[in-house]
Every structure is written in structure tokens, then in C-alpha cells.
Amino acid sequence: MSAHAERAFRVPWIADLLRHGLLQKSFVPPQPQQDLRELTRYRAQVTAARSAVGNRIRKLPEGANIKLGSVVSDVMGYPADGCWRRSSKARPIRCSWPSWRGGS
């Protein structure tokens, strides 16, 4: 029997069961369980977003050929935060206009 023929056979049978009240209603969880599921989904989204930010942070210095992964194991961790703070406070090398331009 083909799938279409089987479906055509089952539809009137299921409608008859429904008409006589012999089918159970679909399960809708209680409100606290729905809230918990929503929070779980939201937590998964936040975790994925945090991982994406960590990957972007790891990739940024690698573009400048700086391998941060060889210095710290977790780019988002406390030791890495100290590295970022120290590197942001570093003073740039200042040179006068003629010296880098090659003029006098």
C-alpha cells in the first residue's frame, strides 16, 4: 500500500475517533515548565553568543600574527583580561613627523 493510500485510509478513521472523543488532547506543559523551557532556550542562546564573542576576540589578534592562544588558554578568562588591560595601557611609540617620513 502506498503512503498516499495509507494516509487516505487513516484520515477518516482518525476523524471518527475524534468525533467520539476517543483521542487524547495534545500535551501542553504547565506554565512553570513552559517558563523553565524558555529560560533554558535563552541560556543556550546567551552561551552561544558568548562563545561567538570569544572566537572573535581570539581571531582579532591572530590577524596581526599574534597567537594569544599560546599565552593564555581561555581568552575570556581572568588572566587574559589582565593581558588585554596591560596591552591597552601600553604607550604608542611616538616619532616626529620628519623622522618617519624621511624628510628633515
PDB file of N, CA and C in Angstrom:
ATOM      1  N   MET A   1       0.850  -1.174   0.000  1.00  0.00           N
ATOM      2  CA  MET A   1       0.000   0.000   0.000  1.00  0.00           C
ATOM      3  C   MET A   1       0.896   1.238   0.000  1.00  0.00           C
ATOM      4  N   SER A   2       0.626   2.191  -0.853  1.00  0.00           N
ATOM      5  CA  SER A   2       1.437   3.405  -0.938  1.00  0.00           C
ATOM      6  C   SER A   2       1.146   4.306   0.265  1.00  0.00           C
ATOM      7  N   ALA A   3       2.037   5.248   0.480  1.00  0.00           N
ATOM      8  CA  ALA A   3       1.876   6.157   1.615  1.00  0.00           C
ATOM      9  C   ALA A   3       0.617   7.000   1.453  1.00  0.00           C
ATOM     10  N   HIS A   4       0.333   7.404   0.228  1.00  0.00           N
ATOM     11  CA  HIS A   4      -0.857   8.218  -0.017  1.00  0.00           C
ATOM     12  C   HIS A   4      -2.128   7.414   0.274  1.00  0.00           C
ATOM     13  N   ALA A   5      -2.177   6.186  -0.164  1.00  0.00           N
ATOM     14  CA  ALA A   5      -3.348   5.337   0.068  1.00  0.00           C
ATOM     15  C   ALA A   5      -3.520   5.052   1.556  1.00  0.00           C
ATOM     16  N   GLU A   6      -2.394   4.852   2.243  1.00  0.00           N
ATOM     17  CA  GLU A   6      -2.469   4.588   3.677  1.00  0.00           C
ATOM     18  C   GLU A   6      -2.993   5.811   4.421  1.00  0.00           C
ATOM     19  N   ARG A   7      -2.526   7.004   4.014  1.00  0.00           N
ATOM     20  CA  ARG A   7      -2.997   8.242   4.610  1.00  0.00           C
ATOM     21  C   ARG A   7      -4.498   8.420   4.358  1.00  0.00           C
ATOM     22  N   ALA A   8      -4.928   8.138   3.134  1.00  0.00           N
ATOM     23  CA  ALA A   8      -6.342   8.270   2.789  1.00  0.00           C
ATOM     24  C   ALA A   8      -7.194   7.293   3.606  1.00  0.00           C
ATOM     25  N   PHE A   9      -6.630   6.158   3.973  1.00  0.00           N
ATOM     26  CA  PHE A   9      -7.338   5.174   4.787  1.00  0.00           C
ATOM     27  C   PHE A   9      -7.416   5.641   6.240  1.00  0.00           C
ATOM     28  N   ARG A  10      -6.342   6.266   6.760  1.00  0.00           N
ATOM     29  CA  ARG A  10      -6.286   6.628   8.170  1.00  0.00           C
ATOM     30  C   ARG A  10      -7.064   7.892   8.504  1.00  0.00           C
ATOM     31  N   VAL A  11      -7.152   8.845   7.584  1.00  0.00           N
ATOM     32  CA  VAL A  11      -7.796  10.126   7.888  1.00  0.00           C
ATOM     33  C   VAL A  11      -9.252   9.946   8.350  1.00  0.00           C
ATOM     34  N   PRO A  12     -10.096   9.215   7.638  1.00  0.00           N
ATOM     35  CA  PRO A  12     -11.483   9.053   8.139  1.00  0.00           C
ATOM     36  C   PRO A  12     -11.536   8.323   9.477  1.00  0.00           C
ATOM     37  N   TRP A  13     -10.626   7.377   9.674  1.00  0.00           N
ATOM     38  CA  TRP A  13     -10.601   6.617  10.930  1.00  0.00           C
ATOM     39  C   TRP A  13     -10.256   7.537  12.094  1.00  0.00           C
ATOM     40  N   ILE A  14      -9.239   8.407  11.922  1.00  0.00           N
ATOM     41  CA  ILE A  14      -8.835   9.343  12.980  1.00  0.00           C
ATOM     42  C   ILE A  14      -9.954  10.353  13.223  1.00  0.00           C
ATOM     43  N   ALA A  15     -10.617  10.827  12.153  1.00  0.00           N
ATOM     44  CA  ALA A  15     -11.728  11.772  12.315  1.00  0.00           C
ATOM     45  C   ALA A  15     -12.872  11.126  13.098  1.00  0.00           C
ATOM     46  N   ASP A  16     -13.114   9.852  12.862  1.00  0.00           N
ATOM     47  CA  ASP A  16     -14.165   9.143  13.589  1.00  0.00           C
ATOM     48  C   ASP A  16     -13.821   9.012  15.067  1.00  0.00           C
ATOM     49  N   LEU A  17     -12.561   8.705  15.364  1.00  0.00           N
ATOM     50  CA  LEU A  17     -12.128   8.634  16.763  1.00  0.00           C
ATOM     51  C   LEU A  17     -12.273   9.982  17.446  1.00  0.00           C
ATOM     52  N   LEU A  18     -11.931  11.035  16.747  1.00  0.00           N
ATOM     53  CA  LEU A  18     -12.024  12.383  17.304  1.00  0.00           C
ATOM     54  C   LEU A  18     -13.482  12.759  17.567  1.00  0.00           C
ATOM     55  N   ARG A  19     -14.357  12.395  16.646  1.00  0.00           N
ATOM     56  CA  ARG A  19     -15.781  12.693  16.786  1.00  0.00           C
ATOM     57  C   ARG A  19     -16.365  12.042  18.043  1.00  0.00           C
ATOM     58  N   HIS A  20     -15.913  10.847  18.382  1.00  0.00           N
ATOM     59  CA  HIS A  20     -16.435  10.124  19.537  1.00  0.00           C
ATOM     60  C   HIS A  20     -15.660  10.418  20.826  1.00  0.00           C
ATOM     61  N   GLY A  21     -14.695  11.314  20.743  1.00  0.00           N
ATOM     62  CA  GLY A  21     -13.949  11.714  21.938  1.00  0.00           C
ATOM     63  C   GLY A  21     -12.975  10.667  22.427  1.00  0.00           C
ATOM     64  N   LEU A  22     -12.453   9.850  21.538  1.00  0.00           N
ATOM     65  CA  LEU A  22     -11.541   8.782  21.932  1.00  0.00           C
ATOM     66  C   LEU A  22     -10.067   9.156  21.775  1.00  0.00           C
ATOM     67  N   LEU A  23      -9.784  10.364  21.324  1.00  0.00           N
ATOM     68  CA  LEU A  23      -8.398  10.811  21.204  1.00  0.00           C
ATOM     69  C   LEU A  23      -8.064  11.734  22.366  1.00  0.00           C
ATOM     70  N   GLN A  24      -6.849  11.586  22.880  1.00  0.00           N
ATOM     71  CA  GLN A  24      -6.406  12.472  23.950  1.00  0.00           C
ATOM     72  C   GLN A  24      -5.980  13.804  23.344  1.00  0.00           C
ATOM     73  N   LYS A  25      -6.131  14.858  24.124  1.00  0.00           N
ATOM     74  CA  LYS A  25      -5.671  16.171  23.679  1.00  0.00           C
ATOM     75  C   LYS A  25      -4.144  16.175  23.680  1.00  0.00           C
ATOM     76  N   SER A  26      -3.589  17.063  22.870  1.00  0.00           N
ATOM     77  CA  SER A  26      -2.129  17.157  22.856  1.00  0.00           C
ATOM     78  C   SER A  26      -1.652  17.743  24.183  1.00  0.00           C
ATOM     79  N   PHE A  27      -0.457  17.361  24.577  1.00  0.00           N
ATOM     80  CA  PHE A  27       0.084  17.755  25.875  1.00  0.00           C
ATOM     81  C   PHE A  27       0.590  19.186  25.822  1.00  0.00           C
ATOM     82  N   VAL A  28       0.101  20.021  26.714  1.00  0.00           N
ATOM     83  CA  VAL A  28       0.613  21.378  26.903  1.00  0.00           C
ATOM     84  C   VAL A  28       1.140  21.420  28.326  1.00  0.00           C
ATOM     85  N   PRO A  29       2.443  21.623  28.488  1.00  0.00           N
ATOM     86  CA  PRO A  29       3.002  21.594  29.846  1.00  0.00           C
ATOM     87  C   PRO A  29       2.480  22.760  30.683  1.00  0.00           C
ATOM     88  N   PRO A  30       2.495  22.604  31.996  1.00  0.00           N
ATOM     89  CA  PRO A  30       2.051  23.690  32.874  1.00  0.00           C
ATOM     90  C   PRO A  30       2.965  24.915  32.740  1.00  0.00           C
ATOM     91  N   GLN A  31       2.466  26.052  33.171  1.00  0.00           N
ATOM     92  CA  GLN A  31       3.178  27.318  32.986  1.00  0.00           C
ATOM     93  C   GLN A  31       4.588  27.314  33.588  1.00  0.00           C
ATOM     94  N   PRO A  32       4.807  26.785  34.807  1.00  0.00           N
ATOM     95  CA  PRO A  32       6.180  26.770  35.332  1.00  0.00           C
ATOM     96  C   PRO A  32       7.144  25.981  34.436  1.00  0.00           C
ATOM     97  N   GLN A  33       6.676  24.886  33.877  1.00  0.00           N
ATOM     98  CA  GLN A  33       7.534  24.091  32.998  1.00  0.00           C
ATOM     99  C   GLN A  33       7.794  24.832  31.684  1.00  0.00           C
ATOM    100  N   GLN A  34       6.798  25.548  31.171  1.00  0.00           N
ATOM    101  CA  GLN A  34       6.994  26.347  29.965  1.00  0.00           C
ATOM    102  C   GLN A  34       8.033  27.445  30.216  1.00  0.00           C
ATOM    103  N   ASP A  35       7.943  28.086  31.403  1.00  0.00           N
ATOM    104  CA  ASP A  35       8.903  29.131  31.750  1.00  0.00           C
ATOM    105  C   ASP A  35      10.318  28.567  31.849  1.00  0.00           C
ATOM    106  N   LEU A  36      10.444  27.389  32.448  1.00  0.00           N
ATOM    107  CA  LEU A  36      11.748  26.754  32.572  1.00  0.00           C
ATOM    108  C   LEU A  36      12.331  26.422  31.206  1.00  0.00           C
ATOM    109  N   ARG A  37      11.499  25.930  30.299  1.00  0.00           N
ATOM    110  CA  ARG A  37      11.968  25.626  28.944  1.00  0.00           C
ATOM    111  C   ARG A  37      12.429  26.894  28.229  1.00  0.00           C
ATOM    112  N   GLU A  38      11.673  27.979  28.422  1.00  0.00           N
ATOM    113  CA  GLU A  38      12.042  29.246  27.789  1.00  0.00           C
ATOM    114  C   GLU A  38      13.381  29.753  28.319  1.00  0.00           C
ATOM    115  N   LEU A  39      13.566  29.653  29.637  1.00  0.00           N
ATOM    116  CA  LEU A  39      14.842  30.073  30.231  1.00  0.00           C
ATOM    117  C   LEU A  39      15.999  29.206  29.735  1.00  0.00           C
ATOM    118  N   THR A  40      15.754  27.921  29.585  1.00  0.00           N
ATOM    119  CA  THR A  40      16.791  27.022  29.093  1.00  0.00           C
ATOM    120  C   THR A  40      17.185  27.387  27.667  1.00  0.00           C
ATOM    121  N   ARG A  41      16.202  27.680  26.825  1.00  0.00           N
ATOM    122  CA  ARG A  41      16.498  28.091  25.444  1.00  0.00           C
ATOM    123  C   ARG A  41      17.270  29.404  25.429  1.00  0.00           C
ATOM    124  N   TYR A  42      16.861  30.351  26.294  1.00  0.00           N
ATOM    125  CA  TYR A  42      17.537  31.646  26.361  1.00  0.00           C
ATOM    126  C   TYR A  42      18.981  31.483  26.832  1.00  0.00           C
ATOM    127  N   ARG A  43      19.192  30.604  27.811  1.00  0.00           N
ATOM    128  CA  ARG A  43      20.547  30.356  28.306  1.00  0.00           C
ATOM    129  C   ARG A  43      21.433  29.786  27.207  1.00  0.00           C
ATOM    130  N   ALA A  44      20.882  28.900  26.391  1.00  0.00           N
ATOM    131  CA  ALA A  44      21.645  28.332  25.279  1.00  0.00           C
ATOM    132  C   ALA A  44      22.016  29.418  24.272  1.00  0.00           C
ATOM    133  N   GLN A  45      21.102  30.351  24.013  1.00  0.00           N
ATOM    134  CA  GLN A  45      21.384  31.447  23.083  1.00  0.00           C
ATOM    135  C   GLN A  45      22.472  32.360  23.635  1.00  0.00           C
ATOM    136  N   VAL A  46      22.402  32.668  24.937  1.00  0.00           N
ATOM    137  CA  VAL A  46      23.408  33.544  25.552  1.00  0.00           C
ATOM    138  C   VAL A  46      24.774  32.868  25.545  1.00  0.00           C
ATOM    139  N   THR A  47      24.802  31.569  25.827  1.00  0.00           N
ATOM    140  CA  THR A  47      26.063  30.829  25.805  1.00  0.00           C
ATOM    141  C   THR A  47      26.662  30.813  24.410  1.00  0.00           C
ATOM    142  N   ALA A  48      25.831  30.625  23.397  1.00  0.00           N
ATOM    143  CA  ALA A  48      26.322  30.632  22.018  1.00  0.00           C
ATOM    144  C   ALA A  48      26.850  32.009  21.641  1.00  0.00           C
ATOM    145  N   ALA A  49      26.165  33.069  22.077  1.00  0.00           N
ATOM    146  CA  ALA A  49      26.621  34.429  21.781  1.00  0.00           C
ATOM    147  C   ALA A  49      27.949  34.713  22.473  1.00  0.00           C
ATOM    148  N   ARG A  50      28.117  34.239  23.708  1.00  0.00           N
ATOM    149  CA  ARG A  50      29.373  34.445  24.439  1.00  0.00           C
ATOM    150  C   ARG A  50      30.520  33.709  23.752  1.00  0.00           C
ATOM    151  N   SER A  51      30.255  32.517  23.280  1.00  0.00           N
ATOM    152  CA  SER A  51      31.284  31.764  22.566  1.00  0.00           C
ATOM    153  C   SER A  51      31.667  32.459  21.263  1.00  0.00           C
ATOM    154  N   ALA A  52      30.672  33.035  20.577  1.00  0.00           N
ATOM    155  CA  ALA A  52      30.957  33.752  19.334  1.00  0.00           C
ATOM    156  C   ALA A  52      31.835  34.964  19.596  1.00  0.00           C
ATOM    157  N   VAL A  53      31.562  35.677  20.698  1.00  0.00           N
ATOM    158  CA  VAL A  53      32.390  36.836  21.055  1.00  0.00           C
ATOM    159  C   VAL A  53      33.806  36.382  21.382  1.00  0.00           C
ATOM    160  N   GLY A  54      33.935  35.296  22.126  1.00  0.00           N
ATOM    161  CA  GLY A  54      35.269  34.765  22.446  1.00  0.00           C
ATOM    162  C   GLY A  54      36.038  34.382  21.199  1.00  0.00           C
ATOM    163  N   ASN A  55      35.362  33.772  20.230  1.00  0.00           N
ATOM    164  CA  ASN A  55      36.029  33.413  18.974  1.00  0.00           C
ATOM    165  C   ASN A  55      36.470  34.649  18.213  1.00  0.00           C
ATOM    166  N   ARG A  56      35.623  35.702  18.226  1.00  0.00           N
ATOM    167  CA  ARG A  56      36.017  36.947  17.552  1.00  0.00           C
ATOM    168  C   ARG A  56      37.211  37.590  18.235  1.00  0.00           C
ATOM    169  N   ILE A  57      37.218  37.555  19.584  1.00  0.00           N
ATOM    170  CA  ILE A  57      38.345  38.132  20.324  1.00  0.00           C
ATOM    171  C   ILE A  57      39.619  37.351  20.032  1.00  0.00           C
ATOM    172  N   ARG A  58      39.514  36.042  19.928  1.00  0.00           N
ATOM    173  CA  ARG A  58      40.679  35.210  19.642  1.00  0.00           C
ATOM    174  C   ARG A  58      41.195  35.474  18.223  1.00  0.00           C
ATOM    175  N   LYS A  59      40.270  35.715  17.297  1.00  0.00           N
ATOM    176  CA  LYS A  59      40.650  35.897  15.895  1.00  0.00           C
ATOM    177  C   LYS A  59      41.258  37.262  15.616  1.00  0.00           C
ATOM    178  N   LEU A  60      40.860  38.281  16.364  1.00  0.00           N
ATOM    179  CA  LEU A  60      41.320  39.638  16.117  1.00  0.00           C
ATOM    180  C   LEU A  60      42.839  39.764  16.173  1.00  0.00           C
ATOM    181  N   PRO A  61      43.514  39.341  17.248  1.00  0.00           N
ATOM    182  CA  PRO A  61      44.977  39.472  17.255  1.00  0.00           C
ATOM    183  C   PRO A  61      45.665  38.500  16.293  1.00  0.00           C
ATOM    184  N   GLU A  62      45.002  37.389  15.979  1.00  0.00           N
ATOM    185  CA  GLU A  62      45.615  36.455  15.029  1.00  0.00           C
ATOM    186  C   GLU A  62      45.735  37.082  13.648  1.00  0.00           C
ATOM    187  N   GLY A  63      44.884  38.054  13.355  1.00  0.00           N
ATOM    188  CA  GLY A  63      45.005  38.793  12.103  1.00  0.00           C
ATOM    189  C   GLY A  63      46.299  39.591  12.041  1.00  0.00           C
ATOM    190  N   ALA A  64      46.820  39.972  13.221  1.00  0.00           N
ATOM    191  CA  ALA A  64      48.091  40.696  13.301  1.00  0.00           C
ATOM    192  C   ALA A  64      49.236  39.746  13.616  1.00  0.00           C
ATOM    193  N   ASN A  65      49.009  38.438  13.458  1.00  0.00           N
ATOM    194  CA  ASN A  65      50.006  37.393  13.691  1.00  0.00           C
ATOM    195  C   ASN A  65      50.442  37.329  15.158  1.00  0.00           C
ATOM    196  N   ILE A  66      49.508  37.594  16.059  1.00  0.00           N
ATOM    197  CA  ILE A  66      49.750  37.454  17.499  1.00  0.00           C
ATOM    198  C   ILE A  66      48.945  36.252  17.957  1.00  0.00           C
ATOM    199  N   LYS A  67      49.623  35.212  18.415  1.00  0.00           N
ATOM    200  CA  LYS A  67      48.939  33.987  18.844  1.00  0.00           C
ATOM    201  C   LYS A  67      48.653  34.070  20.334  1.00  0.00           C
ATOM    202  N   LEU A  68      47.489  34.550  20.665  1.00  0.00           N
ATOM    203  CA  LEU A  68      47.109  34.698  22.066  1.00  0.00           C
ATOM    204  C   LEU A  68      46.890  33.345  22.728  1.00  0.00           C
ATOM    205  N   GLY A  69      46.505  32.335  21.944  1.00  0.00           N
ATOM    206  CA  GLY A  69      46.260  31.013  22.482  1.00  0.00           C
ATOM    207  C   GLY A  69      47.496  30.354  23.059  1.00  0.00           C
ATOM    208  N   SER A  70      48.682  30.777  22.635  1.00  0.00           N
ATOM    209  CA  SER A  70      49.911  30.210  23.194  1.00  0.00           C
ATOM    210  C   SER A  70      50.251  30.833  24.540  1.00  0.00           C
ATOM    211  N   VAL A  71      49.631  31.955  24.880  1.00  0.00           N
ATOM    212  CA  VAL A  71      49.910  32.635  26.147  1.00  0.00           C
ATOM    213  C   VAL A  71      48.863  32.276  27.197  1.00  0.00           C
ATOM    214  N   VAL A  72      47.593  32.340  26.824  1.00  0.00           N
ATOM    215  CA  VAL A  72      46.508  32.022  27.750  1.00  0.00           C
ATOM    216  C   VAL A  72      45.620  30.951  27.126  1.00  0.00           C
ATOM    217  N   SER A  73      45.064  30.113  27.979  1.00  0.00           N
ATOM    218  CA  SER A  73      44.215  29.040  27.457  1.00  0.00           C
ATOM    219  C   SER A  73      42.784  29.514  27.211  1.00  0.00           C
ATOM    220  N   ASP A  74      42.306  30.439  28.043  1.00  0.00           N
ATOM    221  CA  ASP A  74      40.945  30.941  27.894  1.00  0.00           C
ATOM    222  C   ASP A  74      40.996  32.436  27.624  1.00  0.00           C
ATOM    223  N   VAL A  75      40.608  32.827  26.431  1.00  0.00           N
ATOM    224  CA  VAL A  75      40.691  34.234  26.032  1.00  0.00           C
ATOM    225  C   VAL A  75      39.742  35.096  26.844  1.00  0.00           C
ATOM    226  N   MET A  76      38.652  34.523  27.315  1.00  0.00           N
ATOM    227  CA  MET A  76      37.663  35.284  28.084  1.00  0.00           C
ATOM    228  C   MET A  76      37.912  35.191  29.596  1.00  0.00           C
ATOM    229  N   GLY A  77      38.947  34.496  30.023  1.00  0.00           N
ATOM    230  CA  GLY A  77      39.201  34.288  31.446  1.00  0.00           C
ATOM    231  C   GLY A  77      39.884  35.472  32.112  1.00  0.00           C
ATOM    232  N   TYR A  78      40.103  35.338  33.419  1.00  0.00           N
ATOM    233  CA  TYR A  78      40.696  36.411  34.216  1.00  0.00           C
ATOM    234  C   TYR A  78      42.125  36.746  33.792  1.00  0.00           C
ATOM    235  N   PRO A  79      43.036  35.778  33.593  1.00  0.00           N
ATOM    236  CA  PRO A  79      44.395  36.141  33.179  1.00  0.00           C
ATOM    237  C   PRO A  79      44.434  36.862  31.834  1.00  0.00           C
ATOM    238  N   ALA A  80      43.590  36.457  30.916  1.00  0.00           N
ATOM    239  CA  ALA A  80      43.557  37.112  29.614  1.00  0.00           C
ATOM    240  C   ALA A  80      43.053  38.543  29.750  1.00  0.00           C
ATOM    241  N   ASP A  81      42.146  38.770  30.699  1.00  0.00           N
ATOM    242  CA  ASP A  81      41.640  40.120  30.919  1.00  0.00           C
ATOM    243  C   ASP A  81      42.786  41.038  31.344  1.00  0.00           C
ATOM    244  N   GLY A  82      43.672  40.528  32.191  1.00  0.00           N
ATOM    245  CA  GLY A  82      44.835  41.315  32.599  1.00  0.00           C
ATOM    246  C   GLY A  82      45.750  41.617  31.424  1.00  0.00           C
ATOM    247  N   CYS A  83      45.928  40.659  30.533  1.00  0.00           N
ATOM    248  CA  CYS A  83      46.746  40.886  29.334  1.00  0.00           C
ATOM    249  C   CYS A  83      46.140  41.977  28.473  1.00  0.00           C
ATOM    250  N   TRP A  84      44.828  41.922  28.287  1.00  0.00           N
ATOM    251  CA  TRP A  84      44.167  42.941  27.466  1.00  0.00           C
ATOM    252  C   TRP A  84      44.299  44.321  28.103  1.00  0.00           C
ATOM    253  N   ARG A  85      44.154  44.392  29.427  1.00  0.00           N
ATOM    254  CA  ARG A  85      44.261  45.698  30.106  1.00  0.00           C
ATOM    255  C   ARG A  85      45.680  46.255  30.001  1.00  0.00           C
ATOM    256  N   ARG A  86      46.674  45.384  30.195  1.00  0.00           N
ATOM    257  CA  ARG A  86      48.058  45.864  30.092  1.00  0.00           C
ATOM    258  C   ARG A  86      48.382  46.308  28.668  1.00  0.00           C
ATOM    259  N   SER A  87      47.901  45.572  27.686  1.00  0.00           N
ATOM    260  CA  SER A  87      48.204  45.938  26.306  1.00  0.00           C
ATOM    261  C   SER A  87      47.485  47.216  25.896  1.00  0.00           C
ATOM    262  N   SER A  88      46.321  47.483  26.487  1.00  0.00           N
ATOM    263  CA  SER A  88      45.611  48.708  26.134  1.00  0.00           C
ATOM    264  C   SER A  88      46.238  49.927  26.799  1.00  0.00           C
ATOM    265  N   LYS A  89      46.981  49.735  27.897  1.00  0.00           N
ATOM    266  CA  LYS A  89      47.636  50.856  28.571  1.00  0.00           C
ATOM    267  C   LYS A  89      49.032  51.128  28.016  1.00  0.00           C
ATOM    268  N   ALA A  90      49.482  50.280  27.135  1.00  0.00           N
ATOM    269  CA  ALA A  90      50.820  50.492  26.564  1.00  0.00           C
ATOM    270  C   ALA A  90      50.827  51.780  25.755  1.00  0.00           C
ATOM    271  N   ARG A  91      51.921  52.504  25.877  1.00  0.00           N
ATOM    272  CA  ARG A  91      52.018  53.763  25.164  1.00  0.00           C
ATOM    273  C   ARG A  91      52.532  53.518  23.753  1.00  0.00           C
ATOM    274  N   PRO A  92      51.943  54.193  22.800  1.00  0.00           N
ATOM    275  CA  PRO A  92      52.445  54.028  21.434  1.00  0.00           C
ATOM    276  C   PRO A  92      53.804  54.690  21.266  1.00  0.00           C
ATOM    277  N   ILE A  93      54.567  54.200  20.344  1.00  0.00           N
ATOM    278  CA  ILE A  93      55.876  54.796  20.050  1.00  0.00           C
ATOM    279  C   ILE A  93      55.621  56.075  19.269  1.00  0.00           C
ATOM    280  N   ARG A  94      56.153  57.159  19.812  1.00  0.00           N
ATOM    281  CA  ARG A  94      55.941  58.442  19.151  1.00  0.00           C
ATOM    282  C   ARG A  94      57.192  58.802  18.360  1.00  0.00           C
ATOM    283  N   CYS A  95      56.979  59.222  17.152  1.00  0.00           N
ATOM    284  CA  CYS A  95      58.110  59.708  16.371  1.00  0.00           C
ATOM    285  C   CYS A  95      57.694  61.010  15.711  1.00  0.00           C
ATOM    286  N   SER A  96      58.660  61.846  15.528  1.00  0.00           N
ATOM    287  CA  SER A  96      58.353  63.137  14.934  1.00  0.00           C
ATOM    288  C   SER A  96      58.060  62.965  13.451  1.00  0.00           C
ATOM    289  N   TRP A  97      57.386  63.903  12.899  1.00  0.00           N
ATOM    290  CA  TRP A  97      56.936  63.829  11.513  1.00  0.00           C
ATOM    291  C   TRP A  97      58.080  63.598  10.533  1.00  0.00           C
ATOM    292  N   PRO A  98      59.147  64.375  10.587  1.00  0.00           N
ATOM    293  CA  PRO A  98      60.200  64.167   9.562  1.00  0.00           C
ATOM    294  C   PRO A  98      60.943  62.846   9.698  1.00  0.00           C
ATOM    295  N   SER A  99      61.051  62.300  10.919  1.00  0.00           N
ATOM    296  CA  SER A  99      61.864  61.096  11.067  1.00  0.00           C
ATOM    297  C   SER A  99      61.231  59.892  10.366  1.00  0.00           C
ATOM    298  N   TRP A 100      59.943  59.720  10.465  1.00  0.00           N
ATOM    299  CA  TRP A 100      59.347  58.561   9.807  1.00  0.00           C
ATOM    300  C   TRP A 100      59.034  58.838   8.355  1.00  0.00           C
ATOM    301  N   ARG A 101      58.956  60.122   8.020  1.00  0.00           N
ATOM    302  CA  ARG A 101      58.659  60.465   6.645  1.00  0.00           C
ATOM    303  C   ARG A 101      59.906  60.431   5.776  1.00  0.00           C
ATOM    304  N   GLY A 102      61.023  60.529   6.411  1.00  0.00           N
ATOM    305  CA  GLY A 102      62.271  60.513   5.669  1.00  0.00           C
ATOM    306  C   GLY A 102      62.753  61.914   5.306  1.00  0.00           C
ATOM    307  N   GLY A 103      62.015  62.895   5.735  1.00  0.00           N
ATOM    308  CA  GLY A 103      62.420  64.280   5.429  1.00  0.00           C
ATOM    309  C   GLY A 103      63.234  64.858   6.551  1.00  0.00           C
ATOM    310  N   SER A 104      63.487  66.137   6.499  1.00  0.00           N
ATOM    311  CA  SER A 104      64.299  66.783   7.528  1.00  0.00           C
ATOM    312  C   SER A 104      63.459  67.430   8.586  1.00  0.00           C
TER     313      SER A 104
END
